[in-house]
Amino acid sequence: MPFRRFGRPGLIGLAARTAVVAGTATAVQGAAMRNREQRAQGQYEQEQYAAAQQQAQIDAAAQNAAAQYAAPVAPAAPAAASTSADDMISKLQQLASLKDSGVLSEEEFAAAKQKLLS
C-alpha cells in the first residue's frame, strides 16, 4: 500500500491548487475583459449610428435650404396702392407691342383698346 499523507497537502498538491486558482482567475479576468470590450464596442456602434443619423438630418436640412434658395422667386404682388391707371397703361402697352409685332391687326387693336377703355 502506498503511503498516504493526511493533513496539509504536499508540494505537488500545493502547486496543483495554485495552478487551479491561477487558471480560474485568468479565465474570470478574460471573460470580464471580453464583456467590457463588447459593451464598449456596442456603445461605440450606438454613438456612430446616432452621429450618422444626425449627419443625415443635417444633410437633409441643407438640401432643403439649398432648394429653397435655388427655387425661382415668385414676383411680388403689386402693391395695394397701385392705381387702375397704371394697370391700364401697362395693358395698353402690351396691346401696342402685340400690334407692332404683327400679332394684332389695326382693327383688332382698336377693338381691344376700346374694350379696355370702356
N, C-alpha and C. Protein backbone atom coordinates (compact mmCIF):
# COMPACT_ATOMS: atom_id res chain seq x y z
N MET A 1 0.80 -1.17 0.00
CA MET A 1 0.00 0.00 0.00
C MET A 1 0.85 1.25 0.00
N PRO A 2 0.42 2.22 -0.88
CA PRO A 2 1.22 3.42 -0.90
C PRO A 2 0.99 4.26 0.34
N PHE A 3 1.99 4.98 0.61
CA PHE A 3 1.93 5.82 1.79
C PHE A 3 1.09 7.05 1.47
N ARG A 4 0.11 7.30 2.27
CA ARG A 4 -0.77 8.43 2.04
C ARG A 4 -0.67 9.36 3.22
N ARG A 5 -0.53 10.60 2.92
CA ARG A 5 -0.34 11.58 3.96
C ARG A 5 -1.65 12.31 4.21
N PHE A 6 -2.01 12.51 5.42
CA PHE A 6 -3.21 13.24 5.79
C PHE A 6 -2.83 14.59 6.34
N GLY A 7 -3.74 15.56 6.16
CA GLY A 7 -3.46 16.89 6.66
C GLY A 7 -3.18 17.84 5.52
N ARG A 8 -2.17 18.62 5.66
CA ARG A 8 -1.84 19.60 4.62
C ARG A 8 -1.29 18.89 3.40
N PRO A 9 -1.59 19.46 2.21
CA PRO A 9 -1.07 18.81 1.01
C PRO A 9 0.44 19.02 0.89
N GLY A 10 1.02 18.16 0.13
CA GLY A 10 2.45 18.26 -0.09
C GLY A 10 2.74 19.31 -1.15
N LEU A 11 3.97 19.29 -1.60
CA LEU A 11 4.43 20.28 -2.57
C LEU A 11 3.69 20.15 -3.90
N ILE A 12 3.45 18.98 -4.36
CA ILE A 12 2.75 18.77 -5.63
C ILE A 12 1.30 19.21 -5.50
N GLY A 13 0.67 18.90 -4.40
CA GLY A 13 -0.73 19.31 -4.19
C GLY A 13 -0.85 20.83 -4.11
N LEU A 14 0.12 21.44 -3.43
CA LEU A 14 0.12 22.89 -3.33
C LEU A 14 0.31 23.54 -4.69
N ALA A 15 1.19 23.00 -5.52
CA ALA A 15 1.41 23.52 -6.86
C ALA A 15 0.16 23.33 -7.71
N ALA A 16 -0.51 22.21 -7.58
CA ALA A 16 -1.72 21.94 -8.34
C ALA A 16 -2.83 22.91 -7.93
N ARG A 17 -2.98 23.11 -6.64
CA ARG A 17 -4.01 24.04 -6.17
C ARG A 17 -3.72 25.45 -6.66
N THR A 18 -2.47 25.88 -6.63
CA THR A 18 -2.09 27.21 -7.11
C THR A 18 -2.38 27.33 -8.59
N ALA A 19 -2.11 26.30 -9.35
CA ALA A 19 -2.37 26.33 -10.79
C ALA A 19 -3.86 26.44 -11.06
N VAL A 20 -4.68 25.73 -10.31
CA VAL A 20 -6.12 25.79 -10.49
C VAL A 20 -6.65 27.20 -10.16
N VAL A 21 -6.17 27.73 -9.06
CA VAL A 21 -6.62 29.08 -8.67
C VAL A 21 -6.18 30.10 -9.68
N ALA A 22 -4.93 30.02 -10.13
CA ALA A 22 -4.42 30.98 -11.11
C ALA A 22 -5.17 30.83 -12.44
N GLY A 23 -5.43 29.63 -12.87
CA GLY A 23 -6.16 29.39 -14.12
C GLY A 23 -7.59 29.93 -14.03
N THR A 24 -8.24 29.70 -12.90
CA THR A 24 -9.60 30.21 -12.71
C THR A 24 -9.60 31.74 -12.73
N ALA A 25 -8.64 32.33 -12.06
CA ALA A 25 -8.56 33.79 -12.03
C ALA A 25 -8.32 34.35 -13.43
N THR A 26 -7.47 33.71 -14.19
CA THR A 26 -7.19 34.16 -15.55
C THR A 26 -8.44 34.04 -16.42
N ALA A 27 -9.16 32.93 -16.28
CA ALA A 27 -10.38 32.74 -17.07
C ALA A 27 -11.44 33.78 -16.72
N VAL A 28 -11.61 34.05 -15.43
CA VAL A 28 -12.60 35.04 -15.00
C VAL A 28 -12.20 36.43 -15.48
N GLN A 29 -10.92 36.75 -15.36
CA GLN A 29 -10.44 38.06 -15.80
C GLN A 29 -10.63 38.22 -17.31
N GLY A 30 -10.32 37.17 -18.07
CA GLY A 30 -10.50 37.22 -19.52
C GLY A 30 -11.97 37.40 -19.90
N ALA A 31 -12.85 36.70 -19.21
CA ALA A 31 -14.28 36.84 -19.50
C ALA A 31 -14.76 38.25 -19.17
N ALA A 32 -14.31 38.79 -18.06
CA ALA A 32 -14.70 40.14 -17.67
C ALA A 32 -14.17 41.16 -18.68
N MET A 33 -12.95 40.94 -19.15
CA MET A 33 -12.36 41.87 -20.11
C MET A 33 -13.12 41.81 -21.44
N ARG A 34 -13.47 40.59 -21.90
CA ARG A 34 -14.24 40.46 -23.13
C ARG A 34 -15.60 41.13 -22.99
N ASN A 35 -16.21 40.97 -21.82
CA ASN A 35 -17.51 41.58 -21.57
C ASN A 35 -17.40 43.11 -21.65
N ARG A 36 -16.37 43.67 -21.03
CA ARG A 36 -16.16 45.12 -21.09
C ARG A 36 -15.91 45.59 -22.52
N GLU A 37 -15.11 44.84 -23.26
CA GLU A 37 -14.82 45.20 -24.64
C GLU A 37 -16.08 45.15 -25.50
N GLN A 38 -16.93 44.14 -25.28
CA GLN A 38 -18.18 44.04 -26.04
C GLN A 38 -19.11 45.20 -25.71
N ARG A 39 -19.19 45.57 -24.43
CA ARG A 39 -20.02 46.72 -24.05
C ARG A 39 -19.48 48.00 -24.67
N ALA A 40 -18.17 48.17 -24.63
CA ALA A 40 -17.56 49.37 -25.21
C ALA A 40 -17.79 49.40 -26.72
N GLN A 41 -17.67 48.26 -27.38
CA GLN A 41 -17.90 48.20 -28.82
C GLN A 41 -19.35 48.51 -29.15
N GLY A 42 -20.28 47.97 -28.37
CA GLY A 42 -21.71 48.26 -28.57
C GLY A 42 -22.01 49.73 -28.38
N GLN A 43 -21.43 50.33 -27.36
CA GLN A 43 -21.64 51.76 -27.11
C GLN A 43 -21.04 52.59 -28.25
N TYR A 44 -19.87 52.21 -28.73
CA TYR A 44 -19.24 52.91 -29.85
C TYR A 44 -20.12 52.83 -31.09
N GLU A 45 -20.67 51.64 -31.37
CA GLU A 45 -21.52 51.48 -32.54
C GLU A 45 -22.79 52.31 -32.41
N GLN A 46 -23.36 52.39 -31.21
CA GLN A 46 -24.55 53.22 -31.00
C GLN A 46 -24.22 54.69 -31.22
N GLU A 47 -23.08 55.14 -30.75
CA GLU A 47 -22.68 56.53 -30.94
C GLU A 47 -22.46 56.83 -32.42
N GLN A 48 -21.86 55.89 -33.13
CA GLN A 48 -21.64 56.07 -34.56
C GLN A 48 -22.96 56.12 -35.31
N TYR A 49 -23.90 55.27 -34.93
CA TYR A 49 -25.22 55.26 -35.56
C TYR A 49 -25.93 56.59 -35.30
N ALA A 50 -25.88 57.06 -34.06
CA ALA A 50 -26.53 58.34 -33.72
C ALA A 50 -25.88 59.49 -34.49
N ALA A 51 -24.56 59.45 -34.62
CA ALA A 51 -23.86 60.50 -35.36
C ALA A 51 -24.25 60.45 -36.84
N ALA A 52 -24.39 59.25 -37.38
CA ALA A 52 -24.79 59.12 -38.79
C ALA A 52 -26.21 59.64 -38.99
N GLN A 53 -27.10 59.35 -38.05
CA GLN A 53 -28.47 59.85 -38.15
C GLN A 53 -28.49 61.38 -38.08
N GLN A 54 -27.72 61.93 -37.17
CA GLN A 54 -27.67 63.38 -37.04
C GLN A 54 -27.09 64.02 -38.30
N GLN A 55 -26.06 63.41 -38.87
CA GLN A 55 -25.47 63.93 -40.09
C GLN A 55 -26.47 63.86 -41.23
N ALA A 56 -27.26 62.78 -41.29
CA ALA A 56 -28.28 62.66 -42.34
C ALA A 56 -29.33 63.76 -42.20
N GLN A 57 -29.71 64.08 -40.97
CA GLN A 57 -30.68 65.16 -40.74
C GLN A 57 -30.09 66.50 -41.16
N ILE A 58 -28.83 66.72 -40.84
CA ILE A 58 -28.18 67.98 -41.22
C ILE A 58 -28.09 68.09 -42.74
N ASP A 59 -27.75 66.98 -43.41
CA ASP A 59 -27.66 66.98 -44.87
C ASP A 59 -29.03 67.26 -45.49
N ALA A 60 -30.08 66.64 -44.93
CA ALA A 60 -31.42 66.86 -45.47
C ALA A 60 -31.84 68.32 -45.28
N ALA A 61 -31.53 68.88 -44.13
CA ALA A 61 -31.87 70.28 -43.88
C ALA A 61 -31.10 71.20 -44.83
N ALA A 62 -29.85 70.88 -45.09
CA ALA A 62 -29.05 71.69 -46.00
C ALA A 62 -29.59 71.60 -47.43
N GLN A 63 -30.02 70.41 -47.83
CA GLN A 63 -30.60 70.26 -49.16
C GLN A 63 -31.90 71.04 -49.28
N ASN A 64 -32.72 71.00 -48.23
CA ASN A 64 -33.97 71.75 -48.25
C ASN A 64 -33.70 73.25 -48.34
N ALA A 65 -32.72 73.71 -47.58
CA ALA A 65 -32.38 75.13 -47.62
C ALA A 65 -31.84 75.52 -48.99
N ALA A 66 -31.01 74.67 -49.57
CA ALA A 66 -30.47 74.96 -50.90
C ALA A 66 -31.58 74.97 -51.94
N ALA A 67 -32.54 74.05 -51.79
CA ALA A 67 -33.66 74.01 -52.74
C ALA A 67 -34.51 75.26 -52.63
N GLN A 68 -34.67 75.77 -51.43
CA GLN A 68 -35.47 76.99 -51.25
C GLN A 68 -34.78 78.18 -51.91
N TYR A 69 -33.47 78.28 -51.77
CA TYR A 69 -32.76 79.40 -52.36
C TYR A 69 -32.61 79.25 -53.87
N ALA A 70 -32.59 78.02 -54.35
CA ALA A 70 -32.43 77.79 -55.77
C ALA A 70 -33.76 77.94 -56.52
N ALA A 71 -34.88 77.79 -55.82
CA ALA A 71 -36.18 77.90 -56.46
C ALA A 71 -36.40 79.32 -56.95
N PRO A 72 -37.06 79.45 -58.10
CA PRO A 72 -37.30 80.80 -58.60
C PRO A 72 -38.22 81.56 -57.64
N VAL A 73 -37.88 82.77 -57.44
CA VAL A 73 -38.63 83.61 -56.52
C VAL A 73 -39.85 84.15 -57.26
N ALA A 74 -41.01 83.99 -56.66
CA ALA A 74 -42.24 84.48 -57.27
C ALA A 74 -42.21 86.00 -57.26
N PRO A 75 -42.71 86.61 -58.33
CA PRO A 75 -42.72 88.07 -58.35
C PRO A 75 -43.65 88.59 -57.26
N ALA A 76 -43.26 89.69 -56.72
CA ALA A 76 -44.04 90.28 -55.65
C ALA A 76 -45.37 90.76 -56.20
N ALA A 77 -46.40 90.61 -55.40
CA ALA A 77 -47.73 91.07 -55.81
C ALA A 77 -47.71 92.59 -55.90
N PRO A 78 -48.46 93.14 -56.84
CA PRO A 78 -48.47 94.60 -56.93
C PRO A 78 -49.02 95.19 -55.64
N ALA A 79 -48.49 96.31 -55.29
CA ALA A 79 -48.89 96.97 -54.04
C ALA A 79 -50.35 97.37 -54.13
N ALA A 80 -51.02 97.40 -53.01
CA ALA A 80 -52.44 97.75 -52.99
C ALA A 80 -52.64 99.20 -53.41
N ALA A 81 -51.62 100.01 -53.28
CA ALA A 81 -51.73 101.42 -53.60
C ALA A 81 -51.66 101.68 -55.10
N SER A 82 -51.30 100.65 -55.91
CA SER A 82 -51.20 100.90 -57.35
C SER A 82 -52.59 101.17 -57.91
N THR A 83 -52.65 102.13 -58.78
CA THR A 83 -53.94 102.56 -59.31
C THR A 83 -54.31 101.76 -60.54
N SER A 84 -55.55 101.83 -60.89
CA SER A 84 -56.00 101.13 -62.08
C SER A 84 -55.44 101.77 -63.33
N ALA A 85 -55.03 103.02 -63.22
CA ALA A 85 -54.45 103.71 -64.38
C ALA A 85 -53.12 103.07 -64.77
N ASP A 86 -52.32 102.68 -63.77
CA ASP A 86 -51.05 102.01 -64.08
C ASP A 86 -51.30 100.68 -64.77
N ASP A 87 -52.33 99.96 -64.29
CA ASP A 87 -52.66 98.68 -64.92
C ASP A 87 -53.14 98.91 -66.35
N MET A 88 -53.94 99.95 -66.55
CA MET A 88 -54.47 100.24 -67.88
C MET A 88 -53.34 100.62 -68.83
N ILE A 89 -52.39 101.39 -68.34
CA ILE A 89 -51.26 101.79 -69.18
C ILE A 89 -50.44 100.58 -69.59
N SER A 90 -50.19 99.69 -68.64
CA SER A 90 -49.39 98.50 -68.98
C SER A 90 -50.14 97.62 -69.97
N LYS A 91 -51.48 97.51 -69.85
CA LYS A 91 -52.25 96.71 -70.80
C LYS A 91 -52.26 97.35 -72.18
N LEU A 92 -52.34 98.66 -72.20
CA LEU A 92 -52.27 99.36 -73.50
C LEU A 92 -50.90 99.16 -74.15
N GLN A 93 -49.86 99.19 -73.35
CA GLN A 93 -48.51 98.95 -73.89
C GLN A 93 -48.38 97.53 -74.42
N GLN A 94 -49.00 96.57 -73.74
CA GLN A 94 -48.97 95.19 -74.23
C GLN A 94 -49.71 95.09 -75.57
N LEU A 95 -50.86 95.73 -75.63
CA LEU A 95 -51.60 95.72 -76.89
C LEU A 95 -50.79 96.36 -78.01
N ALA A 96 -50.13 97.47 -77.73
CA ALA A 96 -49.32 98.14 -78.74
C ALA A 96 -48.16 97.25 -79.19
N SER A 97 -47.54 96.56 -78.27
CA SER A 97 -46.44 95.68 -78.66
C SER A 97 -46.95 94.51 -79.49
N LEU A 98 -48.14 94.01 -79.18
CA LEU A 98 -48.72 92.93 -79.99
C LEU A 98 -49.04 93.44 -81.40
N LYS A 99 -49.54 94.68 -81.50
CA LYS A 99 -49.85 95.26 -82.81
C LYS A 99 -48.56 95.49 -83.61
N ASP A 100 -47.51 95.98 -82.92
CA ASP A 100 -46.23 96.24 -83.59
C ASP A 100 -45.57 94.95 -84.06
N SER A 101 -45.76 93.87 -83.32
CA SER A 101 -45.14 92.60 -83.73
C SER A 101 -45.95 91.90 -84.81
N GLY A 102 -47.15 92.37 -85.10
CA GLY A 102 -47.93 91.79 -86.19
C GLY A 102 -48.93 90.76 -85.72
N VAL A 103 -49.05 90.54 -84.43
CA VAL A 103 -49.99 89.56 -83.91
C VAL A 103 -51.42 90.11 -84.04
N LEU A 104 -51.58 91.40 -83.77
CA LEU A 104 -52.90 92.03 -83.88
C LEU A 104 -52.94 92.94 -85.10
N SER A 105 -54.07 92.92 -85.77
CA SER A 105 -54.25 93.85 -86.88
C SER A 105 -54.69 95.20 -86.32
N GLU A 106 -54.77 96.19 -87.18
CA GLU A 106 -55.17 97.53 -86.74
C GLU A 106 -56.58 97.51 -86.19
N GLU A 107 -57.48 96.77 -86.83
CA GLU A 107 -58.87 96.70 -86.38
C GLU A 107 -58.97 95.99 -85.03
N GLU A 108 -58.20 94.88 -84.87
CA GLU A 108 -58.22 94.13 -83.59
C GLU A 108 -57.65 95.01 -82.47
N PHE A 109 -56.63 95.74 -82.80
CA PHE A 109 -56.02 96.63 -81.80
C PHE A 109 -57.02 97.69 -81.37
N ALA A 110 -57.73 98.30 -82.32
CA ALA A 110 -58.70 99.34 -81.99
C ALA A 110 -59.84 98.78 -81.15
N ALA A 111 -60.29 97.57 -81.48
CA ALA A 111 -61.40 96.96 -80.74
C ALA A 111 -60.95 96.63 -79.30
N ALA A 112 -59.76 96.08 -79.13
CA ALA A 112 -59.26 95.75 -77.80
C ALA A 112 -59.02 97.00 -76.97
N LYS A 113 -58.53 98.06 -77.63
CA LYS A 113 -58.30 99.31 -76.93
C LYS A 113 -59.62 99.93 -76.49
N GLN A 114 -60.61 99.88 -77.34
CA GLN A 114 -61.91 100.43 -77.00
C GLN A 114 -62.54 99.66 -75.84
N LYS A 115 -62.40 98.32 -75.88
CA LYS A 115 -62.94 97.48 -74.81
C LYS A 115 -62.23 97.78 -73.48
N LEU A 116 -60.93 97.99 -73.54
CA LEU A 116 -60.16 98.27 -72.34
C LEU A 116 -60.50 99.64 -71.74
N LEU A 117 -60.72 100.62 -72.60
CA LEU A 117 -61.01 101.96 -72.13
C LEU A 117 -62.45 102.11 -71.64
N SER A 118 -63.33 101.24 -72.05
CA SER A 118 -64.72 101.39 -71.63
C SER A 118 -65.04 100.69 -70.33
